């Protein structure tokens, strides 16, 4: 009888043990072009439909050496972004993109307030003073966003195991990339985007008639 009670007690204890969810783990993806070459400045968004929590981060797009840095940024919708001017000349930053229309008129230093990116989409940035200056802000719905480095690597420090929608974007892509369902941990960690490569905007060389 005692043995039976002990057995029941052990069984009851086992059934009451809390279920520990799979812990978040780092993830690294490699993005290439159609020739298999590493693709920098590609945005990777992993959207978990069951979890759209906002993750507060600090973001900025600087003007340095008469260019926007970084060329491509990725932020979650609801993120404020600073636009510090680190050049000696003044800039006039603007966007007419449907996801965010704004204007920071001719200024030096740091604007008084950041710009709130409150609608998902692609925001193309320009400067009214320097026409060649161009950059992009990808505004996603997920807190799990990354931009690839020069080796085409996108890194996620902590990514919970779950079912996600994998979204890819690049400013030079030939066409929209279809989102696909993936399960993390991933068995496939390399993905391709067909692009027509271009030169990133850079400061013009000084010369006759050039006031930069």
N, C-alpha and C. Protein backbone atom coordinates (compact mmCIF):
# COMPACT_ATOMS: atom_id res chain seq x y z
N UNK A 1 0.84 -1.20 0.00
CA UNK A 1 0.00 0.00 0.00
C UNK A 1 0.88 1.26 0.00
N UNK A 2 1.91 1.26 0.89
CA UNK A 2 2.82 2.40 0.97
C UNK A 2 3.54 2.60 -0.35
N UNK A 3 3.96 1.47 -0.96
CA UNK A 3 4.67 1.55 -2.24
C UNK A 3 3.76 2.15 -3.30
N UNK A 4 2.47 1.76 -3.27
CA UNK A 4 1.53 2.28 -4.25
C UNK A 4 1.32 3.77 -4.06
N UNK A 5 1.24 4.23 -2.79
CA UNK A 5 1.07 5.66 -2.52
C UNK A 5 2.28 6.45 -2.98
N UNK A 6 3.48 5.89 -2.71
CA UNK A 6 4.70 6.56 -3.15
C UNK A 6 4.74 6.68 -4.66
N UNK A 7 4.32 5.62 -5.35
CA UNK A 7 4.31 5.63 -6.81
C UNK A 7 3.36 6.69 -7.33
N UNK A 8 2.18 6.77 -6.70
CA UNK A 8 1.20 7.79 -7.11
C UNK A 8 1.76 9.19 -6.87
N UNK A 9 2.46 9.35 -5.72
CA UNK A 9 3.02 10.65 -5.41
C UNK A 9 4.07 11.07 -6.41
N UNK A 10 4.91 10.13 -6.81
CA UNK A 10 5.93 10.43 -7.80
C UNK A 10 5.31 10.79 -9.13
N UNK A 11 4.25 10.06 -9.52
CA UNK A 11 3.57 10.33 -10.77
C UNK A 11 2.94 11.71 -10.75
N UNK A 12 2.30 12.06 -9.61
CA UNK A 12 1.66 13.36 -9.48
C UNK A 12 2.69 14.48 -9.57
N UNK A 13 3.84 14.27 -8.90
CA UNK A 13 4.89 15.28 -8.94
C UNK A 13 5.40 15.49 -10.35
N UNK A 14 5.51 14.38 -11.08
CA UNK A 14 6.02 14.48 -12.45
C UNK A 14 5.06 15.25 -13.34
N UNK A 15 3.76 15.03 -13.14
CA UNK A 15 2.79 15.70 -14.00
C UNK A 15 2.68 17.18 -13.68
N UNK A 16 3.09 17.57 -12.48
CA UNK A 16 2.98 18.98 -12.09
C UNK A 16 4.25 19.78 -12.39
N UNK A 17 5.30 19.12 -12.90
CA UNK A 17 6.52 19.84 -13.22
C UNK A 17 6.26 20.85 -14.33
N UNK A 18 6.74 22.07 -14.18
CA UNK A 18 6.52 23.07 -15.22
C UNK A 18 7.23 22.71 -16.51
N UNK A 19 6.59 23.04 -17.62
CA UNK A 19 7.18 22.79 -18.94
C UNK A 19 8.06 23.97 -19.30
N UNK A 20 9.33 23.74 -19.48
CA UNK A 20 10.27 24.80 -19.79
C UNK A 20 10.32 25.02 -21.30
N UNK A 21 10.00 26.22 -21.78
CA UNK A 21 10.05 26.47 -23.22
C UNK A 21 11.49 26.44 -23.72
N UNK A 22 11.64 26.17 -25.02
CA UNK A 22 12.96 26.19 -25.61
C UNK A 22 13.57 27.57 -25.47
N UNK A 23 14.80 27.65 -25.04
CA UNK A 23 15.45 28.91 -24.79
C UNK A 23 15.84 29.58 -26.10
N UNK A 24 15.91 30.92 -26.04
CA UNK A 24 16.37 31.67 -27.20
C UNK A 24 17.84 31.38 -27.42
N UNK A 25 18.24 31.35 -28.68
CA UNK A 25 19.63 31.05 -29.03
C UNK A 25 20.06 31.94 -30.18
N UNK A 26 21.36 32.16 -30.33
CA UNK A 26 21.83 32.97 -31.44
C UNK A 26 21.62 32.26 -32.78
N UNK A 27 21.44 33.06 -33.83
CA UNK A 27 21.24 32.52 -35.18
C UNK A 27 22.02 33.37 -36.16
N UNK A 28 22.62 32.72 -37.14
CA UNK A 28 23.38 33.42 -38.17
C UNK A 28 22.92 32.94 -39.54
N UNK A 29 22.55 33.88 -40.40
CA UNK A 29 22.11 33.56 -41.75
C UNK A 29 23.07 34.19 -42.76
N UNK A 30 23.19 33.57 -43.93
CA UNK A 30 24.04 34.10 -44.99
C UNK A 30 23.15 34.39 -46.20
N UNK A 31 23.25 35.63 -46.69
CA UNK A 31 22.47 36.05 -47.85
C UNK A 31 23.42 36.29 -49.01
N UNK A 32 23.10 35.73 -50.17
CA UNK A 32 23.93 35.89 -51.35
C UNK A 32 23.09 36.41 -52.52
N UNK A 33 23.79 36.84 -53.58
CA UNK A 33 23.08 37.22 -54.80
C UNK A 33 22.86 35.97 -55.65
N UNK A 34 22.35 36.14 -56.87
CA UNK A 34 22.03 35.00 -57.72
C UNK A 34 23.27 34.23 -58.17
N UNK A 35 24.46 34.85 -58.07
CA UNK A 35 25.70 34.16 -58.41
C UNK A 35 26.37 33.51 -57.18
N UNK A 36 25.72 33.63 -56.04
CA UNK A 36 26.28 33.03 -54.84
C UNK A 36 27.29 33.90 -54.14
N UNK A 37 27.38 35.19 -54.54
CA UNK A 37 28.32 36.11 -53.91
C UNK A 37 27.68 36.77 -52.68
N UNK A 38 28.45 36.99 -51.62
CA UNK A 38 27.89 37.61 -50.41
C UNK A 38 27.21 38.93 -50.73
N UNK A 39 26.07 39.18 -50.11
CA UNK A 39 25.28 40.38 -50.39
C UNK A 39 25.15 41.21 -49.12
N UNK A 40 25.84 42.35 -49.10
CA UNK A 40 25.74 43.28 -47.97
C UNK A 40 24.46 44.10 -48.09
N UNK A 41 24.04 44.68 -46.96
CA UNK A 41 22.89 45.61 -46.91
C UNK A 41 21.56 44.94 -47.24
N UNK A 42 21.47 43.63 -47.04
CA UNK A 42 20.20 42.92 -47.19
C UNK A 42 19.50 42.88 -45.83
N UNK A 43 18.21 43.10 -45.83
CA UNK A 43 17.43 43.06 -44.58
C UNK A 43 16.80 41.68 -44.42
N UNK A 44 16.93 41.13 -43.23
CA UNK A 44 16.27 39.88 -42.88
C UNK A 44 15.30 40.18 -41.75
N UNK A 45 14.04 39.83 -41.96
CA UNK A 45 13.02 39.97 -40.91
C UNK A 45 12.42 38.61 -40.64
N UNK A 46 12.40 38.21 -39.39
CA UNK A 46 11.76 36.96 -38.96
C UNK A 46 10.55 37.34 -38.13
N UNK A 47 9.39 37.12 -38.71
CA UNK A 47 8.13 37.54 -38.09
C UNK A 47 7.41 36.34 -37.50
N UNK A 48 7.22 36.39 -36.20
CA UNK A 48 6.46 35.36 -35.49
C UNK A 48 5.04 35.89 -35.29
N UNK A 49 4.05 35.37 -36.03
CA UNK A 49 2.68 35.89 -35.94
C UNK A 49 2.12 35.85 -34.53
N UNK A 50 2.62 34.95 -33.69
CA UNK A 50 2.11 34.83 -32.32
C UNK A 50 2.76 35.81 -31.36
N UNK A 51 3.80 36.50 -31.82
CA UNK A 51 4.52 37.39 -30.91
C UNK A 51 5.00 38.62 -31.67
N UNK A 52 4.27 39.73 -31.54
CA UNK A 52 4.65 40.98 -32.19
C UNK A 52 5.01 42.04 -31.15
N UNK A 53 5.59 41.58 -30.05
CA UNK A 53 5.95 42.50 -28.99
C UNK A 53 6.96 43.54 -29.49
N UNK A 54 6.86 44.73 -28.95
CA UNK A 54 7.78 45.80 -29.34
C UNK A 54 9.05 45.70 -28.51
N UNK A 55 10.18 45.79 -29.18
CA UNK A 55 11.47 45.76 -28.50
C UNK A 55 12.13 47.13 -28.68
N UNK A 56 12.19 47.88 -27.62
CA UNK A 56 12.72 49.24 -27.68
C UNK A 56 14.22 49.22 -27.93
N UNK A 57 14.65 49.93 -28.97
CA UNK A 57 16.08 50.04 -29.28
C UNK A 57 16.38 51.47 -29.66
N UNK A 58 17.66 51.82 -29.63
CA UNK A 58 18.10 53.13 -30.08
C UNK A 58 18.59 53.00 -31.51
N UNK A 59 18.13 53.88 -32.38
CA UNK A 59 18.52 53.82 -33.78
C UNK A 59 18.90 55.20 -34.27
N UNK A 60 19.84 55.25 -35.22
CA UNK A 60 20.22 56.51 -35.81
C UNK A 60 20.75 56.31 -37.22
N UNK A 61 20.55 57.33 -38.04
CA UNK A 61 21.14 57.40 -39.37
C UNK A 61 21.92 58.69 -39.41
N UNK A 62 23.25 58.58 -39.42
CA UNK A 62 24.10 59.76 -39.36
C UNK A 62 24.43 60.26 -40.76
N UNK A 63 24.78 61.53 -40.83
CA UNK A 63 25.37 62.08 -42.04
C UNK A 63 26.85 62.30 -41.74
N UNK A 64 27.67 61.54 -42.43
CA UNK A 64 29.11 61.56 -42.19
C UNK A 64 29.86 61.45 -43.51
N UNK A 65 30.84 62.34 -43.69
CA UNK A 65 31.60 62.39 -44.94
C UNK A 65 30.66 62.55 -46.13
N UNK A 66 29.63 63.35 -45.93
CA UNK A 66 28.64 63.69 -46.96
C UNK A 66 27.92 62.45 -47.51
N UNK A 67 27.70 61.48 -46.66
CA UNK A 67 26.88 60.31 -47.00
C UNK A 67 26.04 59.94 -45.79
N UNK A 68 24.98 59.17 -46.04
CA UNK A 68 24.19 58.60 -44.95
C UNK A 68 24.88 57.33 -44.47
N UNK A 69 24.95 57.16 -43.17
CA UNK A 69 25.51 55.95 -42.59
C UNK A 69 24.63 55.48 -41.43
N UNK A 70 24.12 54.25 -41.51
CA UNK A 70 24.36 53.26 -42.55
C UNK A 70 23.52 53.51 -43.81
N UNK A 71 23.92 52.82 -44.89
CA UNK A 71 23.19 52.92 -46.15
C UNK A 71 21.81 52.28 -46.01
N UNK A 72 21.73 51.16 -45.29
CA UNK A 72 20.46 50.48 -45.03
C UNK A 72 20.31 50.25 -43.54
N UNK A 73 19.17 50.64 -43.00
CA UNK A 73 18.83 50.39 -41.59
C UNK A 73 17.56 49.56 -41.53
N UNK A 74 17.39 48.84 -40.44
CA UNK A 74 16.16 48.07 -40.22
C UNK A 74 15.69 48.32 -38.80
N UNK A 75 14.46 48.84 -38.67
CA UNK A 75 13.90 49.12 -37.35
C UNK A 75 12.48 48.58 -37.26
N UNK A 76 12.06 48.28 -36.05
CA UNK A 76 10.69 47.84 -35.83
C UNK A 76 9.77 49.04 -35.83
N UNK A 77 8.56 48.85 -36.35
CA UNK A 77 7.58 49.93 -36.37
C UNK A 77 7.38 50.46 -34.95
N UNK A 78 7.37 51.79 -34.82
CA UNK A 78 7.27 52.42 -33.51
C UNK A 78 8.60 52.90 -32.97
N UNK A 79 9.67 52.72 -33.76
CA UNK A 79 11.01 53.10 -33.30
C UNK A 79 11.33 54.55 -33.67
N UNK A 80 11.80 55.37 -32.72
CA UNK A 80 12.29 56.71 -33.04
C UNK A 80 13.73 56.62 -33.55
N UNK A 81 14.04 57.40 -34.59
CA UNK A 81 15.37 57.36 -35.20
C UNK A 81 15.97 58.77 -35.18
N UNK A 82 17.20 58.87 -34.69
CA UNK A 82 17.92 60.14 -34.70
C UNK A 82 18.69 60.30 -36.01
N UNK A 83 18.88 61.56 -36.43
CA UNK A 83 19.60 61.86 -37.66
C UNK A 83 20.71 62.88 -37.36
N UNK A 84 21.74 62.48 -36.63
CA UNK A 84 22.81 63.42 -36.29
C UNK A 84 23.65 63.80 -37.51
N UNK A 85 23.95 65.08 -37.62
CA UNK A 85 24.80 65.57 -38.70
C UNK A 85 26.23 65.70 -38.15
N UNK A 86 27.12 64.85 -38.62
CA UNK A 86 28.50 64.85 -38.15
C UNK A 86 29.44 65.55 -39.14
N UNK A 87 28.87 66.18 -40.16
CA UNK A 87 29.66 66.93 -41.13
C UNK A 87 29.79 68.39 -40.72
N UNK A 88 30.72 69.09 -41.36
CA UNK A 88 30.87 70.52 -41.11
C UNK A 88 29.83 71.34 -41.87
N UNK A 89 29.32 70.77 -42.96
CA UNK A 89 28.28 71.43 -43.72
C UNK A 89 26.91 71.02 -43.21
N UNK A 90 25.90 71.78 -43.54
CA UNK A 90 24.55 71.46 -43.09
C UNK A 90 23.83 70.57 -44.12
N UNK A 91 22.88 69.80 -43.61
CA UNK A 91 22.10 68.90 -44.46
C UNK A 91 20.60 69.20 -44.31
N UNK A 92 19.84 68.72 -45.27
CA UNK A 92 18.39 68.89 -45.28
C UNK A 92 17.79 67.52 -45.62
N UNK A 93 17.49 66.75 -44.60
CA UNK A 93 17.06 65.36 -44.77
C UNK A 93 15.55 65.29 -44.97
N UNK A 94 15.14 64.42 -45.91
CA UNK A 94 13.69 64.33 -46.19
C UNK A 94 13.35 62.93 -46.70
N UNK A 95 12.06 62.62 -46.72
CA UNK A 95 11.54 61.43 -47.37
C UNK A 95 10.11 61.70 -47.83
N UNK A 96 9.81 61.24 -49.03
CA UNK A 96 8.45 61.31 -49.56
C UNK A 96 7.82 59.92 -49.64
N UNK A 97 8.43 58.95 -48.98
CA UNK A 97 7.94 57.57 -49.03
C UNK A 97 6.60 57.44 -48.31
N UNK A 98 5.67 56.64 -48.86
CA UNK A 98 4.37 56.46 -48.20
C UNK A 98 4.48 55.99 -46.75
N UNK A 99 5.51 55.19 -46.44
CA UNK A 99 5.65 54.69 -45.06
C UNK A 99 6.05 55.79 -44.09
N UNK A 100 6.67 56.87 -44.58
CA UNK A 100 7.04 57.98 -43.71
C UNK A 100 7.42 59.19 -44.54
N UNK A 101 6.58 60.22 -44.45
CA UNK A 101 6.88 61.51 -45.07
C UNK A 101 7.35 62.45 -43.97
N UNK A 102 8.57 62.97 -44.12
CA UNK A 102 9.07 63.91 -43.11
C UNK A 102 10.14 64.79 -43.73
N UNK A 103 10.52 65.83 -42.99
CA UNK A 103 11.53 66.77 -43.47
C UNK A 103 12.26 67.37 -42.28
N UNK A 104 13.57 67.28 -42.31
CA UNK A 104 14.42 67.94 -41.32
C UNK A 104 15.15 69.05 -42.07
N UNK A 105 14.64 70.26 -41.93
CA UNK A 105 15.18 71.35 -42.73
C UNK A 105 16.62 71.66 -42.34
N UNK A 106 17.29 72.38 -43.21
CA UNK A 106 18.72 72.67 -43.12
C UNK A 106 19.18 72.79 -41.66
N UNK A 107 20.08 71.89 -41.26
CA UNK A 107 20.51 71.88 -39.86
C UNK A 107 21.93 71.35 -39.73
N UNK A 108 22.52 71.67 -38.60
CA UNK A 108 23.82 71.13 -38.20
C UNK A 108 23.66 70.46 -36.84
N UNK A 109 24.60 69.58 -36.50
CA UNK A 109 24.49 68.91 -35.20
C UNK A 109 23.37 67.90 -35.16
N UNK A 110 22.65 67.86 -34.06
CA UNK A 110 21.60 66.87 -33.86
C UNK A 110 20.24 67.55 -33.78
N UNK A 111 19.25 67.09 -34.56
CA UNK A 111 17.90 67.66 -34.46
C UNK A 111 17.35 67.55 -33.04
N UNK A 112 16.42 68.43 -32.72
CA UNK A 112 15.87 68.46 -31.35
C UNK A 112 15.18 67.16 -30.97
N UNK A 113 14.53 66.53 -31.92
CA UNK A 113 13.78 65.31 -31.61
C UNK A 113 13.99 64.27 -32.71
N UNK A 114 13.97 62.98 -32.35
CA UNK A 114 14.08 61.94 -33.37
C UNK A 114 12.80 61.86 -34.21
N UNK A 115 12.89 61.14 -35.31
CA UNK A 115 11.73 60.93 -36.19
C UNK A 115 11.14 59.57 -35.84
N UNK A 116 9.83 59.52 -35.58
CA UNK A 116 9.15 58.27 -35.24
C UNK A 116 8.72 57.55 -36.52
N UNK A 117 9.19 56.33 -36.69
CA UNK A 117 8.80 55.52 -37.85
C UNK A 117 7.65 54.61 -37.42
N UNK A 118 6.44 55.03 -37.74
CA UNK A 118 5.23 54.41 -37.18
C UNK A 118 4.40 53.62 -38.18
N UNK A 119 4.92 53.41 -39.40
CA UNK A 119 4.20 52.63 -40.41
C UNK A 119 5.16 51.66 -41.08
N UNK A 120 4.80 50.37 -41.18
CA UNK A 120 5.69 49.42 -41.85
C UNK A 120 5.89 49.79 -43.32
N UNK A 121 7.08 49.51 -43.83
CA UNK A 121 7.36 49.78 -45.24
C UNK A 121 8.80 50.20 -45.44
N UNK A 122 9.10 50.63 -46.67
CA UNK A 122 10.44 51.07 -47.03
C UNK A 122 10.46 52.59 -47.11
N UNK A 123 11.41 53.21 -46.41
CA UNK A 123 11.54 54.67 -46.40
C UNK A 123 12.85 55.02 -47.10
N UNK A 124 12.75 55.71 -48.23
CA UNK A 124 13.92 56.18 -48.96
C UNK A 124 14.29 57.58 -48.47
N UNK A 125 15.54 57.76 -48.12
CA UNK A 125 16.01 59.04 -47.59
C UNK A 125 16.80 59.81 -48.64
N UNK A 126 16.70 61.14 -48.58
CA UNK A 126 17.47 61.99 -49.46
C UNK A 126 17.88 63.25 -48.74
N UNK A 127 18.73 64.04 -49.42
CA UNK A 127 19.17 65.34 -48.89
C UNK A 127 18.95 66.39 -49.96
N UNK A 128 18.25 67.45 -49.61
CA UNK A 128 17.95 68.50 -50.57
C UNK A 128 19.18 69.29 -50.99
N UNK A 129 20.23 69.22 -50.21
CA UNK A 129 21.45 69.96 -50.51
C UNK A 129 22.41 69.13 -51.36
N UNK A 130 22.47 67.82 -51.08
CA UNK A 130 23.37 66.91 -51.79
C UNK A 130 22.53 65.83 -52.46
N UNK A 131 22.26 66.01 -53.73
CA UNK A 131 21.31 65.16 -54.44
C UNK A 131 21.74 63.69 -54.49
N UNK A 132 23.04 63.42 -54.48
CA UNK A 132 23.52 62.05 -54.61
C UNK A 132 23.33 61.25 -53.32
N UNK A 133 23.13 61.92 -52.19
CA UNK A 133 22.97 61.23 -50.92
C UNK A 133 21.67 60.43 -50.91
N UNK A 134 21.78 59.15 -50.54
CA UNK A 134 20.62 58.26 -50.55
C UNK A 134 20.82 57.17 -49.51
N UNK A 135 19.74 56.80 -48.86
CA UNK A 135 19.78 55.69 -47.90
C UNK A 135 18.37 55.16 -47.72
N UNK A 136 18.25 54.04 -47.01
CA UNK A 136 16.95 53.39 -46.85
C UNK A 136 16.77 52.95 -45.39
N UNK A 137 15.52 53.05 -44.95
CA UNK A 137 15.14 52.51 -43.65
C UNK A 137 14.02 51.51 -43.89
N UNK A 138 14.28 50.26 -43.54
CA UNK A 138 13.27 49.20 -43.62
C UNK A 138 12.53 49.19 -42.28
N UNK A 139 11.23 49.44 -42.32
CA UNK A 139 10.42 49.46 -41.10
C UNK A 139 9.61 48.18 -41.05
N UNK A 140 9.98 47.27 -40.16
CA UNK A 140 9.32 45.97 -40.09
C UNK A 140 8.39 45.87 -38.89
N UNK A 141 7.64 44.79 -38.86
CA UNK A 141 6.70 44.57 -37.76
C UNK A 141 7.32 43.77 -36.61
N UNK A 142 8.40 43.08 -36.90
CA UNK A 142 9.00 42.18 -35.92
C UNK A 142 10.16 42.83 -35.18
N UNK A 143 10.41 42.42 -33.94
CA UNK A 143 11.63 42.86 -33.26
C UNK A 143 12.86 42.13 -33.76
N UNK A 144 12.66 41.06 -34.55
CA UNK A 144 13.77 40.25 -35.03
C UNK A 144 14.16 40.71 -36.44
N UNK A 145 15.02 41.72 -36.48
CA UNK A 145 15.47 42.33 -37.73
C UNK A 145 16.99 42.40 -37.74
N UNK A 146 17.57 42.20 -38.92
CA UNK A 146 19.02 42.30 -39.04
C UNK A 146 19.38 42.72 -40.46
N UNK A 147 20.52 43.40 -40.59
CA UNK A 147 21.05 43.81 -41.89
C UNK A 147 22.39 43.11 -42.09
N UNK A 148 22.59 42.55 -43.27
CA UNK A 148 23.81 41.78 -43.52
C UNK A 148 25.04 42.68 -43.61
N UNK A 149 26.18 42.12 -43.18
CA UNK A 149 27.45 42.82 -43.27
C UNK A 149 28.09 42.56 -44.64
N UNK A 150 29.36 42.95 -44.81
CA UNK A 150 30.04 42.80 -46.10
C UNK A 150 30.21 41.33 -46.49
N UNK A 151 30.14 40.44 -45.53
CA UNK A 151 30.23 39.00 -45.82
C UNK A 151 28.85 38.37 -46.06
N UNK A 152 27.82 39.22 -46.09
CA UNK A 152 26.46 38.72 -46.32
C UNK A 152 25.86 38.03 -45.11
N UNK A 153 26.40 38.30 -43.93
CA UNK A 153 25.96 37.62 -42.71
C UNK A 153 24.98 38.50 -41.92
N UNK A 154 23.87 37.92 -41.55
CA UNK A 154 22.90 38.56 -40.65
C UNK A 154 22.90 37.78 -39.34
N UNK A 155 23.05 38.50 -38.23
CA UNK A 155 23.17 37.86 -36.93
C UNK A 155 22.00 38.24 -36.02
N UNK A 156 21.48 37.23 -35.34
CA UNK A 156 20.45 37.44 -34.32
C UNK A 156 21.01 36.93 -32.99
N UNK A 157 21.08 37.81 -32.01
CA UNK A 157 21.68 37.44 -30.73
C UNK A 157 20.82 36.44 -29.97
N UNK A 158 19.51 36.66 -29.96
CA UNK A 158 18.59 35.78 -29.24
C UNK A 158 17.33 35.59 -30.07
N UNK A 159 17.12 34.38 -30.54
CA UNK A 159 15.95 34.08 -31.37
C UNK A 159 15.25 32.86 -30.81
N UNK A 160 14.04 33.02 -30.26
CA UNK A 160 13.32 31.87 -29.70
C UNK A 160 12.95 30.86 -30.79
N UNK A 161 12.95 29.59 -30.44
CA UNK A 161 12.50 28.55 -31.36
C UNK A 161 11.01 28.73 -31.60
N UNK A 162 10.61 28.82 -32.88
CA UNK A 162 9.20 29.06 -33.22
C UNK A 162 9.04 28.95 -34.73
N UNK A 163 7.80 29.07 -35.19
CA UNK A 163 7.50 29.16 -36.62
C UNK A 163 7.49 30.63 -37.02
N UNK A 164 8.21 30.98 -38.07
CA UNK A 164 8.35 32.36 -38.49
C UNK A 164 8.00 32.53 -39.97
N UNK A 165 7.72 33.79 -40.33
CA UNK A 165 7.69 34.20 -41.73
C UNK A 165 9.03 34.88 -42.00
N UNK A 166 9.81 34.33 -42.93
CA UNK A 166 11.10 34.90 -43.29
C UNK A 166 10.91 35.88 -44.44
N UNK A 167 11.27 37.14 -44.20
CA UNK A 167 11.16 38.17 -45.22
C UNK A 167 12.55 38.70 -45.55
N UNK A 168 12.83 38.88 -46.84
CA UNK A 168 14.10 39.41 -47.30
C UNK A 168 13.85 40.64 -48.17
N UNK A 169 14.77 41.61 -48.07
CA UNK A 169 14.66 42.82 -48.90
C UNK A 169 16.04 43.41 -49.13
N UNK A 170 16.23 43.96 -50.33
CA UNK A 170 17.46 44.67 -50.66
C UNK A 170 17.11 45.82 -51.60
N UNK A 171 17.75 46.99 -51.44
CA UNK A 171 17.39 48.12 -52.30
C UNK A 171 17.65 47.89 -53.78
N UNK A 172 18.51 46.91 -54.12
CA UNK A 172 18.82 46.65 -55.53
C UNK A 172 18.14 45.40 -56.06
N UNK A 173 17.21 44.84 -55.32
CA UNK A 173 16.58 43.59 -55.76
C UNK A 173 15.83 43.78 -57.07
N UNK A 174 15.85 42.74 -57.91
CA UNK A 174 15.20 42.80 -59.22
C UNK A 174 13.68 42.72 -59.11
N UNK A 175 13.20 42.07 -58.07
CA UNK A 175 11.77 41.95 -57.83
C UNK A 175 11.54 41.64 -56.36
N UNK A 176 10.28 41.78 -55.94
CA UNK A 176 9.96 41.47 -54.55
C UNK A 176 10.29 40.01 -54.24
N UNK A 177 10.81 39.78 -53.05
CA UNK A 177 11.15 38.42 -52.63
C UNK A 177 9.96 37.86 -51.84
N UNK A 178 9.47 36.71 -52.28
CA UNK A 178 8.31 36.09 -51.62
C UNK A 178 8.69 35.63 -50.22
N UNK A 179 7.86 36.01 -49.24
CA UNK A 179 8.08 35.55 -47.86
C UNK A 179 7.87 34.04 -47.79
N UNK A 180 8.59 33.39 -46.92
CA UNK A 180 8.44 31.95 -46.77
C UNK A 180 8.35 31.56 -45.31
N UNK A 181 7.66 30.46 -45.06
CA UNK A 181 7.52 29.96 -43.70
C UNK A 181 8.74 29.12 -43.34
N UNK A 182 9.31 29.39 -42.17
CA UNK A 182 10.47 28.64 -41.71
C UNK A 182 10.27 28.28 -40.25
N UNK A 183 10.98 27.25 -39.84
CA UNK A 183 10.92 26.82 -38.44
C UNK A 183 12.31 26.97 -37.85
N UNK A 184 12.42 27.70 -36.76
CA UNK A 184 13.69 27.91 -36.07
C UNK A 184 13.77 26.94 -34.89
N UNK A 185 14.86 26.17 -34.74
CA UNK A 185 16.14 26.24 -35.46
C UNK A 185 15.98 25.86 -36.94
N UNK A 186 16.76 26.54 -37.79
CA UNK A 186 16.70 26.33 -39.23
C UNK A 186 17.64 25.21 -39.66
N UNK A 187 17.20 24.47 -40.69
CA UNK A 187 18.09 23.49 -41.30
C UNK A 187 18.84 24.12 -42.47
N UNK A 188 18.24 25.14 -43.08
CA UNK A 188 18.87 25.86 -44.18
C UNK A 188 19.14 27.29 -43.73
N UNK A 189 20.39 27.73 -43.82
CA UNK A 189 20.75 29.06 -43.32
C UNK A 189 21.32 29.96 -44.41
N UNK A 190 21.18 29.58 -45.67
CA UNK A 190 21.64 30.43 -46.76
C UNK A 190 20.48 30.70 -47.71
N UNK A 191 20.32 31.98 -48.07
CA UNK A 191 19.22 32.38 -48.92
C UNK A 191 19.73 33.35 -49.98
N UNK A 192 19.02 33.43 -51.11
CA UNK A 192 19.46 34.25 -52.23
C UNK A 192 18.47 35.37 -52.53
N UNK A 193 19.01 36.49 -53.00
CA UNK A 193 18.21 37.59 -53.53
C UNK A 193 18.80 37.97 -54.88
N UNK A 194 17.99 37.96 -55.93
CA UNK A 194 18.46 38.37 -57.25
C UNK A 194 18.52 39.90 -57.29
N UNK A 195 19.70 40.44 -57.59
CA UNK A 195 19.89 41.89 -57.59
C UNK A 195 20.64 42.33 -58.85
N UNK A 196 20.49 43.59 -59.17
CA UNK A 196 21.33 44.25 -60.15
C UNK A 196 22.24 45.17 -59.36
N UNK A 197 23.51 44.79 -59.25
CA UNK A 197 24.42 45.52 -58.37
C UNK A 197 24.70 46.93 -58.88
N UNK A 198 24.82 47.86 -57.92
CA UNK A 198 25.11 49.26 -58.20
C UNK A 198 26.20 49.73 -57.25
N UNK A 199 26.65 50.95 -57.47
CA UNK A 199 27.59 51.57 -56.55
C UNK A 199 26.81 52.29 -55.46
N UNK A 200 27.23 52.09 -54.22
CA UNK A 200 26.59 52.82 -53.13
C UNK A 200 26.97 54.29 -53.20
N UNK A 201 26.06 55.18 -52.78
CA UNK A 201 26.38 56.61 -52.80
C UNK A 201 27.64 56.92 -52.00
N UNK A 202 28.49 57.77 -52.56
CA UNK A 202 29.70 58.18 -51.86
C UNK A 202 30.00 59.64 -52.18
N UNK A 203 30.81 60.23 -51.35
CA UNK A 203 31.16 61.64 -51.52
C UNK A 203 31.86 61.87 -52.85
N UNK A 204 31.40 62.84 -53.66
CA UNK A 204 32.05 63.13 -54.93
C UNK A 204 33.48 63.63 -54.73
N UNK A 205 34.31 63.37 -55.71
CA UNK A 205 35.68 63.87 -55.65
C UNK A 205 35.68 65.38 -55.85
N UNK A 206 36.58 66.04 -55.16
CA UNK A 206 36.68 67.49 -55.29
C UNK A 206 37.27 67.84 -56.66
N UNK A 207 36.74 68.89 -57.24
CA UNK A 207 37.23 69.31 -58.55
C UNK A 207 36.61 70.61 -58.96
N UNK A 208 36.88 71.03 -60.17
CA UNK A 208 36.37 72.30 -60.67
C UNK A 208 34.84 72.29 -60.68
N UNK A 209 34.24 73.31 -60.10
CA UNK A 209 32.80 73.42 -60.09
C UNK A 209 32.12 72.57 -59.03
N UNK A 210 32.91 71.90 -58.22
CA UNK A 210 32.34 71.04 -57.17
C UNK A 210 32.47 71.75 -55.84
N UNK A 211 31.33 72.06 -55.23
CA UNK A 211 31.34 72.81 -53.98
C UNK A 211 31.22 71.91 -52.75
N UNK A 212 31.35 70.60 -52.92
CA UNK A 212 31.21 69.70 -51.78
C UNK A 212 32.43 69.75 -50.89
